[in-house]
Amino acid sequence: AGVLHVVEALAGSSGVYAIRPDRE
């Protein structure tokens, strides 16, 4: 769908995050 996903490797927050405009 064209949504950017970012892998976060920081301990305690590690996971895959979806980044959408104007949203957390």
mmCIF file of all heavy atoms, coordinates in Angstrom:
data_MODEL
# 
_entry.id   MODEL 
# 
loop_
_atom_site.group_PDB 
_atom_site.id 
_atom_site.type_symbol 
_atom_site.label_atom_id 
_atom_site.label_alt_id 
_atom_site.label_comp_id 
_atom_site.label_asym_id 
_atom_site.label_entity_id 
_atom_site.label_seq_id 
_atom_site.pdbx_PDB_ins_code 
_atom_site.Cartn_x 
_atom_site.Cartn_y 
_atom_site.Cartn_z 
_atom_site.occupancy 
_atom_site.B_iso_or_equiv 
_atom_site.pdbx_formal_charge 
_atom_site.auth_seq_id 
_atom_site.auth_comp_id 
_atom_site.auth_asym_id 
_atom_site.auth_atom_id 
_atom_site.pdbx_PDB_model_num 
ATOM 1   N N   . ALA A 1 1  ? 0.817  -1.215 0.000  1.00 0.00 ? 1  ALA A N   1 
ATOM 2   C CA  . ALA A 1 1  ? 0.000  0.000  0.000  1.00 0.00 ? 1  ALA A CA  1 
ATOM 3   C C   . ALA A 1 1  ? 0.849  1.264  0.000  1.00 0.00 ? 1  ALA A C   1 
ATOM 4   O O   . ALA A 1 1  ? 0.313  2.375  0.065  1.00 0.00 ? 1  ALA A O   1 
ATOM 5   C CB  . ALA A 1 1  ? -0.933 -0.003 1.210  1.00 0.00 ? 1  ALA A CB  1 
ATOM 6   N N   . GLY A 1 2  ? 2.179  1.120  -0.059 1.00 0.00 ? 2  GLY A N   1 
ATOM 7   C CA  . GLY A 1 2  ? 3.062  2.270  -0.088 1.00 0.00 ? 2  GLY A CA  1 
ATOM 8   C C   . GLY A 1 2  ? 3.386  2.852  1.273  1.00 0.00 ? 2  GLY A C   1 
ATOM 9   O O   . GLY A 1 2  ? 3.868  3.985  1.365  1.00 0.00 ? 2  GLY A O   1 
ATOM 10  N N   . VAL A 1 3  ? 3.148  2.092  2.352  1.00 0.00 ? 3  VAL A N   1 
ATOM 11  C CA  . VAL A 1 3  ? 3.444  2.559  3.704  1.00 0.00 ? 3  VAL A CA  1 
ATOM 12  C C   . VAL A 1 3  ? 4.870  2.148  4.076  1.00 0.00 ? 3  VAL A C   1 
ATOM 13  O O   . VAL A 1 3  ? 5.256  0.980  3.922  1.00 0.00 ? 3  VAL A O   1 
ATOM 14  C CB  . VAL A 1 3  ? 2.450  1.974  4.728  1.00 0.00 ? 3  VAL A CB  1 
ATOM 15  C CG1 . VAL A 1 3  ? 2.839  2.376  6.157  1.00 0.00 ? 3  VAL A CG1 1 
ATOM 16  C CG2 . VAL A 1 3  ? 1.037  2.423  4.403  1.00 0.00 ? 3  VAL A CG2 1 
ATOM 17  N N   . LEU A 1 4  ? 5.647  3.108  4.563  1.00 0.00 ? 4  LEU A N   1 
ATOM 18  C CA  . LEU A 1 4  ? 7.022  2.843  4.964  1.00 0.00 ? 4  LEU A CA  1 
ATOM 19  C C   . LEU A 1 4  ? 7.052  2.095  6.289  1.00 0.00 ? 4  LEU A C   1 
ATOM 20  O O   . LEU A 1 4  ? 6.363  2.454  7.243  1.00 0.00 ? 4  LEU A O   1 
ATOM 21  C CB  . LEU A 1 4  ? 7.790  4.154  5.107  1.00 0.00 ? 4  LEU A CB  1 
ATOM 22  C CG  . LEU A 1 4  ? 9.237  4.048  5.632  1.00 0.00 ? 4  LEU A CG  1 
ATOM 23  C CD1 . LEU A 1 4  ? 10.116 3.288  4.647  1.00 0.00 ? 4  LEU A CD1 1 
ATOM 24  C CD2 . LEU A 1 4  ? 9.794  5.444  5.899  1.00 0.00 ? 4  LEU A CD2 1 
ATOM 25  N N   . HIS A 1 5  ? 7.880  1.036  6.359  1.00 0.00 ? 5  HIS A N   1 
ATOM 26  C CA  . HIS A 1 5  ? 8.101  0.292  7.587  1.00 0.00 ? 5  HIS A CA  1 
ATOM 27  C C   . HIS A 1 5  ? 9.579  0.368  7.951  1.00 0.00 ? 5  HIS A C   1 
ATOM 28  O O   . HIS A 1 5  ? 10.449 0.241  7.081  1.00 0.00 ? 5  HIS A O   1 
ATOM 29  C CB  . HIS A 1 5  ? 7.676  -1.164 7.431  1.00 0.00 ? 5  HIS A CB  1 
ATOM 30  C CG  . HIS A 1 5  ? 6.187  -1.349 7.361  1.00 0.00 ? 5  HIS A CG  1 
ATOM 31  N ND1 . HIS A 1 5  ? 5.426  -0.900 6.301  1.00 0.00 ? 5  HIS A ND1 1 
ATOM 32  C CD2 . HIS A 1 5  ? 5.308  -1.916 8.245  1.00 0.00 ? 5  HIS A CD2 1 
ATOM 33  C CE1 . HIS A 1 5  ? 4.145  -1.203 6.524  1.00 0.00 ? 5  HIS A CE1 1 
ATOM 34  N NE2 . HIS A 1 5  ? 4.058  -1.799 7.685  1.00 0.00 ? 5  HIS A NE2 1 
ATOM 35  N N   . VAL A 1 6  ? 9.837  0.585  9.225  1.00 0.00 ? 6  VAL A N   1 
ATOM 36  C CA  . VAL A 1 6  ? 11.199 0.758  9.733  1.00 0.00 ? 6  VAL A CA  1 
ATOM 37  C C   . VAL A 1 6  ? 11.447 -0.260 10.825 1.00 0.00 ? 6  VAL A C   1 
ATOM 38  O O   . VAL A 1 6  ? 10.619 -0.431 11.726 1.00 0.00 ? 6  VAL A O   1 
ATOM 39  C CB  . VAL A 1 6  ? 11.407 2.183  10.296 1.00 0.00 ? 6  VAL A CB  1 
ATOM 40  C CG1 . VAL A 1 6  ? 12.827 2.352  10.826 1.00 0.00 ? 6  VAL A CG1 1 
ATOM 41  C CG2 . VAL A 1 6  ? 11.096 3.231  9.235  1.00 0.00 ? 6  VAL A CG2 1 
ATOM 42  N N   . VAL A 1 7  ? 12.593 -0.916 10.768 1.00 0.00 ? 7  VAL A N   1 
ATOM 43  C CA  . VAL A 1 7  ? 12.997 -1.826 11.834 1.00 0.00 ? 7  VAL A CA  1 
ATOM 44  C C   . VAL A 1 7  ? 13.782 -1.019 12.869 1.00 0.00 ? 7  VAL A C   1 
ATOM 45  O O   . VAL A 1 7  ? 14.773 -0.369 12.538 1.00 0.00 ? 7  VAL A O   1 
ATOM 46  C CB  . VAL A 1 7  ? 13.862 -2.977 11.298 1.00 0.00 ? 7  VAL A CB  1 
ATOM 47  C CG1 . VAL A 1 7  ? 14.378 -3.839 12.453 1.00 0.00 ? 7  VAL A CG1 1 
ATOM 48  C CG2 . VAL A 1 7  ? 13.069 -3.827 10.322 1.00 0.00 ? 7  VAL A CG2 1 
ATOM 49  N N   . GLU A 1 8  ? 13.324 -1.064 14.111 1.00 0.00 ? 8  GLU A N   1 
ATOM 50  C CA  . GLU A 1 8  ? 13.998 -0.412 15.233 1.00 0.00 ? 8  GLU A CA  1 
ATOM 51  C C   . GLU A 1 8  ? 14.703 -1.498 16.044 1.00 0.00 ? 8  GLU A C   1 
ATOM 52  O O   . GLU A 1 8  ? 14.070 -2.467 16.471 1.00 0.00 ? 8  GLU A O   1 
ATOM 53  C CB  . GLU A 1 8  ? 12.967 0.321  16.095 1.00 0.00 ? 8  GLU A CB  1 
ATOM 54  C CG  . GLU A 1 8  ? 13.468 0.788  17.452 1.00 0.00 ? 8  GLU A CG  1 
ATOM 55  C CD  . GLU A 1 8  ? 14.538 1.856  17.366 1.00 0.00 ? 8  GLU A CD  1 
ATOM 56  O OE1 . GLU A 1 8  ? 15.694 1.470  17.096 1.00 0.00 ? 8  GLU A OE1 1 
ATOM 57  O OE2 . GLU A 1 8  ? 14.219 3.039  17.584 1.00 0.00 ? 8  GLU A OE2 1 
ATOM 58  N N   . ALA A 1 9  ? 16.017 -1.347 16.238 1.00 0.00 ? 9  ALA A N   1 
ATOM 59  C CA  . ALA A 1 9  ? 16.792 -2.374 16.933 1.00 0.00 ? 9  ALA A CA  1 
ATOM 60  C C   . ALA A 1 9  ? 17.153 -1.997 18.355 1.00 0.00 ? 9  ALA A C   1 
ATOM 61  O O   . ALA A 1 9  ? 17.830 -2.760 19.043 1.00 0.00 ? 9  ALA A O   1 
ATOM 62  C CB  . ALA A 1 9  ? 18.071 -2.674 16.151 1.00 0.00 ? 9  ALA A CB  1 
ATOM 63  N N   . LEU A 1 10 ? 16.719 -0.838 18.830 1.00 0.00 ? 10 LEU A N   1 
ATOM 64  C CA  . LEU A 1 10 ? 17.072 -0.404 20.171 1.00 0.00 ? 10 LEU A CA  1 
ATOM 65  C C   . LEU A 1 10 ? 16.418 -1.308 21.210 1.00 0.00 ? 10 LEU A C   1 
ATOM 66  O O   . LEU A 1 10 ? 15.215 -1.553 21.159 1.00 0.00 ? 10 LEU A O   1 
ATOM 67  C CB  . LEU A 1 10 ? 16.629 1.041  20.394 1.00 0.00 ? 10 LEU A CB  1 
ATOM 68  C CG  . LEU A 1 10 ? 16.998 1.663  21.749 1.00 0.00 ? 10 LEU A CG  1 
ATOM 69  C CD1 . LEU A 1 10 ? 18.509 1.815  21.869 1.00 0.00 ? 10 LEU A CD1 1 
ATOM 70  C CD2 . LEU A 1 10 ? 16.311 3.013  21.921 1.00 0.00 ? 10 LEU A CD2 1 
ATOM 71  N N   . ALA A 1 11 ? 17.216 -1.810 22.151 1.00 0.00 ? 11 ALA A N   1 
ATOM 72  C CA  . ALA A 1 11 ? 16.695 -2.694 23.191 1.00 0.00 ? 11 ALA A CA  1 
ATOM 73  C C   . ALA A 1 11 ? 15.561 -2.004 23.955 1.00 0.00 ? 11 ALA A C   1 
ATOM 74  O O   . ALA A 1 11 ? 15.663 -0.837 24.324 1.00 0.00 ? 11 ALA A O   1 
ATOM 75  C CB  . ALA A 1 11 ? 17.813 -3.077 24.162 1.00 0.00 ? 11 ALA A CB  1 
ATOM 76  N N   . GLY A 1 12 ? 14.473 -2.732 24.133 1.00 0.00 ? 12 GLY A N   1 
ATOM 77  C CA  . GLY A 1 12 ? 13.307 -2.181 24.804 1.00 0.00 ? 12 GLY A CA  1 
ATOM 78  C C   . GLY A 1 12 ? 12.278 -1.619 23.855 1.00 0.00 ? 12 GLY A C   1 
ATOM 79  O O   . GLY A 1 12 ? 11.113 -1.458 24.231 1.00 0.00 ? 12 GLY A O   1 
ATOM 80  N N   . SER A 1 13 ? 12.703 -1.299 22.640 1.00 0.00 ? 13 SER A N   1 
ATOM 81  C CA  . SER A 1 13 ? 11.769 -0.767 21.639 1.00 0.00 ? 13 SER A CA  1 
ATOM 82  C C   . SER A 1 13 ? 11.830 -1.551 20.337 1.00 0.00 ? 13 SER A C   1 
ATOM 83  O O   . SER A 1 13 ? 11.214 -1.158 19.352 1.00 0.00 ? 13 SER A O   1 
ATOM 84  C CB  . SER A 1 13 ? 12.095 0.703  21.341 1.00 0.00 ? 13 SER A CB  1 
ATOM 85  O OG  . SER A 1 13 ? 12.052 1.483  22.504 1.00 0.00 ? 13 SER A OG  1 
ATOM 86  N N   . SER A 1 14 ? 12.590 -2.637 20.336 1.00 0.00 ? 14 SER A N   1 
ATOM 87  C CA  . SER A 1 14 ? 12.852 -3.368 19.104 1.00 0.00 ? 14 SER A CA  1 
ATOM 88  C C   . SER A 1 14 ? 11.565 -3.866 18.453 1.00 0.00 ? 14 SER A C   1 
ATOM 89  O O   . SER A 1 14 ? 10.690 -4.422 19.112 1.00 0.00 ? 14 SER A O   1 
ATOM 90  C CB  . SER A 1 14 ? 13.776 -4.553 19.389 1.00 0.00 ? 14 SER A CB  1 
ATOM 91  O OG  . SER A 1 14 ? 14.028 -5.302 18.220 1.00 0.00 ? 14 SER A OG  1 
ATOM 92  N N   . GLY A 1 15 ? 11.456 -3.624 17.155 1.00 0.00 ? 15 GLY A N   1 
ATOM 93  C CA  . GLY A 1 15 ? 10.281 -4.073 16.427 1.00 0.00 ? 15 GLY A CA  1 
ATOM 94  C C   . GLY A 1 15 ? 10.217 -3.427 15.061 1.00 0.00 ? 15 GLY A C   1 
ATOM 95  O O   . GLY A 1 15 ? 11.142 -2.745 14.627 1.00 0.00 ? 15 GLY A O   1 
ATOM 96  N N   . VAL A 1 16 ? 9.124  -3.679 14.362 1.00 0.00 ? 16 VAL A N   1 
ATOM 97  C CA  . VAL A 1 16 ? 8.866  -3.081 13.057 1.00 0.00 ? 16 VAL A CA  1 
ATOM 98  C C   . VAL A 1 16 ? 7.756  -2.057 13.226 1.00 0.00 ? 16 VAL A C   1 
ATOM 99  O O   . VAL A 1 16 ? 6.687  -2.368 13.771 1.00 0.00 ? 16 VAL A O   1 
ATOM 100 C CB  . VAL A 1 16 ? 8.448  -4.148 12.021 1.00 0.00 ? 16 VAL A CB  1 
ATOM 101 C CG1 . VAL A 1 16 ? 8.171  -3.496 10.670 1.00 0.00 ? 16 VAL A CG1 1 
ATOM 102 C CG2 . VAL A 1 16 ? 9.529  -5.220 11.888 1.00 0.00 ? 16 VAL A CG2 1 
ATOM 103 N N   . TYR A 1 17 ? 8.008  -0.836 12.754 1.00 0.00 ? 17 TYR A N   1 
ATOM 104 C CA  . TYR A 1 17 ? 7.065  0.264  12.907 1.00 0.00 ? 17 TYR A CA  1 
ATOM 105 C C   . TYR A 1 17 ? 6.585  0.743  11.545 1.00 0.00 ? 17 TYR A C   1 
ATOM 106 O O   . TYR A 1 17 ? 7.383  0.887  10.618 1.00 0.00 ? 17 TYR A O   1 
ATOM 107 C CB  . TYR A 1 17 ? 7.716  1.440  13.641 1.00 0.00 ? 17 TYR A CB  1 
ATOM 108 C CG  . TYR A 1 17 ? 8.003  1.173  15.102 1.00 0.00 ? 17 TYR A CG  1 
ATOM 109 C CD1 . TYR A 1 17 ? 9.124  0.445  15.480 1.00 0.00 ? 17 TYR A CD1 1 
ATOM 110 C CD2 . TYR A 1 17 ? 7.146  1.646  16.086 1.00 0.00 ? 17 TYR A CD2 1 
ATOM 111 C CE1 . TYR A 1 17 ? 9.392  0.195  16.827 1.00 0.00 ? 17 TYR A CE1 1 
ATOM 112 C CE2 . TYR A 1 17 ? 7.403  1.406  17.431 1.00 0.00 ? 17 TYR A CE2 1 
ATOM 113 C CZ  . TYR A 1 17 ? 8.529  0.680  17.793 1.00 0.00 ? 17 TYR A CZ  1 
ATOM 114 O OH  . TYR A 1 17 ? 8.785  0.430  19.119 1.00 0.00 ? 17 TYR A OH  1 
ATOM 115 N N   . ALA A 1 18 ? 5.280  1.003  11.443 1.00 0.00 ? 18 ALA A N   1 
ATOM 116 C CA  . ALA A 1 18 ? 4.703  1.607  10.244 1.00 0.00 ? 18 ALA A CA  1 
ATOM 117 C C   . ALA A 1 18 ? 4.703  3.123  10.417 1.00 0.00 ? 18 ALA A C   1 
ATOM 118 O O   . ALA A 1 18 ? 4.289  3.636  11.459 1.00 0.00 ? 18 ALA A O   1 
ATOM 119 C CB  . ALA A 1 18 ? 3.280  1.101  10.018 1.00 0.00 ? 18 ALA A CB  1 
ATOM 120 N N   . ILE A 1 19 ? 5.187  3.847  9.384  1.00 0.00 ? 19 ILE A N   1 
ATOM 121 C CA  . ILE A 1 19 ? 5.285  5.297  9.436  1.00 0.00 ? 19 ILE A CA  1 
ATOM 122 C C   . ILE A 1 19 ? 4.285  5.876  8.439  1.00 0.00 ? 19 ILE A C   1 
ATOM 123 O O   . ILE A 1 19 ? 4.429  5.719  7.224  1.00 0.00 ? 19 ILE A O   1 
ATOM 124 C CB  . ILE A 1 19 ? 6.706  5.783  9.080  1.00 0.00 ? 19 ILE A CB  1 
ATOM 125 C CG1 . ILE A 1 19 ? 7.753  5.051  9.934  1.00 0.00 ? 19 ILE A CG1 1 
ATOM 126 C CG2 . ILE A 1 19 ? 6.812  7.285  9.266  1.00 0.00 ? 19 ILE A CG2 1 
ATOM 127 C CD1 . ILE A 1 19 ? 7.601  5.269  11.416 1.00 0.00 ? 19 ILE A CD1 1 
ATOM 128 N N   . ARG A 1 20 ? 3.277  6.547  8.975  1.00 0.00 ? 20 ARG A N   1 
ATOM 129 C CA  . ARG A 1 20 ? 2.257  7.182  8.135  1.00 0.00 ? 20 ARG A CA  1 
ATOM 130 C C   . ARG A 1 20 ? 2.249  8.681  8.402  1.00 0.00 ? 20 ARG A C   1 
ATOM 131 O O   . ARG A 1 20 ? 2.527  9.116  9.524  1.00 0.00 ? 20 ARG A O   1 
ATOM 132 C CB  . ARG A 1 20 ? 0.871  6.587  8.418  1.00 0.00 ? 20 ARG A CB  1 
ATOM 133 C CG  . ARG A 1 20 ? 0.761  5.092  8.094  1.00 0.00 ? 20 ARG A CG  1 
ATOM 134 C CD  . ARG A 1 20 ? -0.635 4.578  8.419  1.00 0.00 ? 20 ARG A CD  1 
ATOM 135 N NE  . ARG A 1 20 ? -0.818 3.190  8.039  1.00 0.00 ? 20 ARG A NE  1 
ATOM 136 C CZ  . ARG A 1 20 ? -0.543 2.167  8.850  1.00 0.00 ? 20 ARG A CZ  1 
ATOM 137 N NH1 . ARG A 1 20 ? -0.071 2.385  10.069 1.00 0.00 ? 20 ARG A NH1 1 
ATOM 138 N NH2 . ARG A 1 20 ? -0.741 0.923  8.449  1.00 0.00 ? 20 ARG A NH2 1 
ATOM 139 N N   . PRO A 1 21 ? 1.932  9.480  7.396  1.00 0.00 ? 21 PRO A N   1 
ATOM 140 C CA  . PRO A 1 21 ? 1.920  10.937 7.586  1.00 0.00 ? 21 PRO A CA  1 
ATOM 141 C C   . PRO A 1 21 ? 0.966  11.359 8.697  1.00 0.00 ? 21 PRO A C   1 
ATOM 142 O O   . PRO A 1 21 ? -0.152 10.844 8.821  1.00 0.00 ? 21 PRO A O   1 
ATOM 143 C CB  . PRO A 1 21 ? 1.444  11.465 6.223  1.00 0.00 ? 21 PRO A CB  1 
ATOM 144 C CG  . PRO A 1 21 ? 1.777  10.372 5.256  1.00 0.00 ? 21 PRO A CG  1 
ATOM 145 C CD  . PRO A 1 21 ? 1.608  9.089  6.008  1.00 0.00 ? 21 PRO A CD  1 
ATOM 146 N N   . ASP A 1 22 ? 1.447  12.298 9.530  1.00 0.00 ? 22 ASP A N   1 
ATOM 147 C CA  . ASP A 1 22 ? 0.620  12.918 10.562 1.00 0.00 ? 22 ASP A CA  1 
ATOM 148 C C   . ASP A 1 22 ? 0.091  11.931 11.599 1.00 0.00 ? 22 ASP A C   1 
ATOM 149 O O   . ASP A 1 22 ? -0.954 12.155 12.230 1.00 0.00 ? 22 ASP A O   1 
ATOM 150 C CB  . ASP A 1 22 ? -0.573 13.663 9.932  1.00 0.00 ? 22 ASP A CB  1 
ATOM 151 C CG  . ASP A 1 22 ? -0.138 14.694 8.912  1.00 0.00 ? 22 ASP A CG  1 
ATOM 152 O OD1 . ASP A 1 22 ? 0.865  15.399 9.186  1.00 0.00 ? 22 ASP A OD1 1 
ATOM 153 O OD2 . ASP A 1 22 ? -0.780 14.792 7.860  1.00 0.00 ? 22 ASP A OD2 1 
ATOM 154 N N   . ARG A 1 23 ? 0.818  10.823 11.782 1.00 0.00 ? 23 ARG A N   1 
ATOM 155 C CA  . ARG A 1 23 ? 0.436  9.851  12.806 1.00 0.00 ? 23 ARG A CA  1 
ATOM 156 C C   . ARG A 1 23 ? 1.678  9.391  13.540 1.00 0.00 ? 23 ARG A C   1 
ATOM 157 O O   . ARG A 1 23 ? 2.784  9.403  12.990 1.00 0.00 ? 23 ARG A O   1 
ATOM 158 C CB  . ARG A 1 23 ? -0.291 8.644  12.185 1.00 0.00 ? 23 ARG A CB  1 
ATOM 159 C CG  . ARG A 1 23 ? -1.675 8.970  11.659 1.00 0.00 ? 23 ARG A CG  1 
ATOM 160 C CD  . ARG A 1 23 ? -2.280 7.809  10.907 1.00 0.00 ? 23 ARG A CD  1 
ATOM 161 N NE  . ARG A 1 23 ? -2.374 6.601  11.712 1.00 0.00 ? 23 ARG A NE  1 
ATOM 162 C CZ  . ARG A 1 23 ? -2.927 5.466  11.266 1.00 0.00 ? 23 ARG A CZ  1 
ATOM 163 N NH1 . ARG A 1 23 ? -3.418 5.421  10.029 1.00 0.00 ? 23 ARG A NH1 1 
ATOM 164 N NH2 . ARG A 1 23 ? -2.985 4.413  12.034 1.00 0.00 ? 23 ARG A NH2 1 
ATOM 165 N N   . GLU A 1 24 ? 1.494  8.962  14.783 1.00 0.00 ? 24 GLU A N   1 
ATOM 166 C CA  . GLU A 1 24 ? 2.604  8.400  15.534 1.00 0.00 ? 24 GLU A CA  1 
ATOM 167 C C   . GLU A 1 24 ? 3.003  7.060  14.912 1.00 0.00 ? 24 GLU A C   1 
ATOM 168 O O   . GLU A 1 24 ? 2.160  6.350  14.343 1.00 0.00 ? 24 GLU A O   1 
ATOM 169 C CB  . GLU A 1 24 ? 2.197  8.181  16.996 1.00 0.00 ? 24 GLU A CB  1 
ATOM 170 C CG  . GLU A 1 24 ? 2.001  9.470  17.785 1.00 0.00 ? 24 GLU A CG  1 
ATOM 171 C CD  . GLU A 1 24 ? 3.297  10.234 17.956 1.00 0.00 ? 24 GLU A CD  1 
ATOM 172 O OE1 . GLU A 1 24 ? 4.330  9.607  18.247 1.00 0.00 ? 24 GLU A OE1 1 
ATOM 173 O OE2 . GLU A 1 24 ? 3.272  11.467 17.775 1.00 0.00 ? 24 GLU A OE2 1 
# 
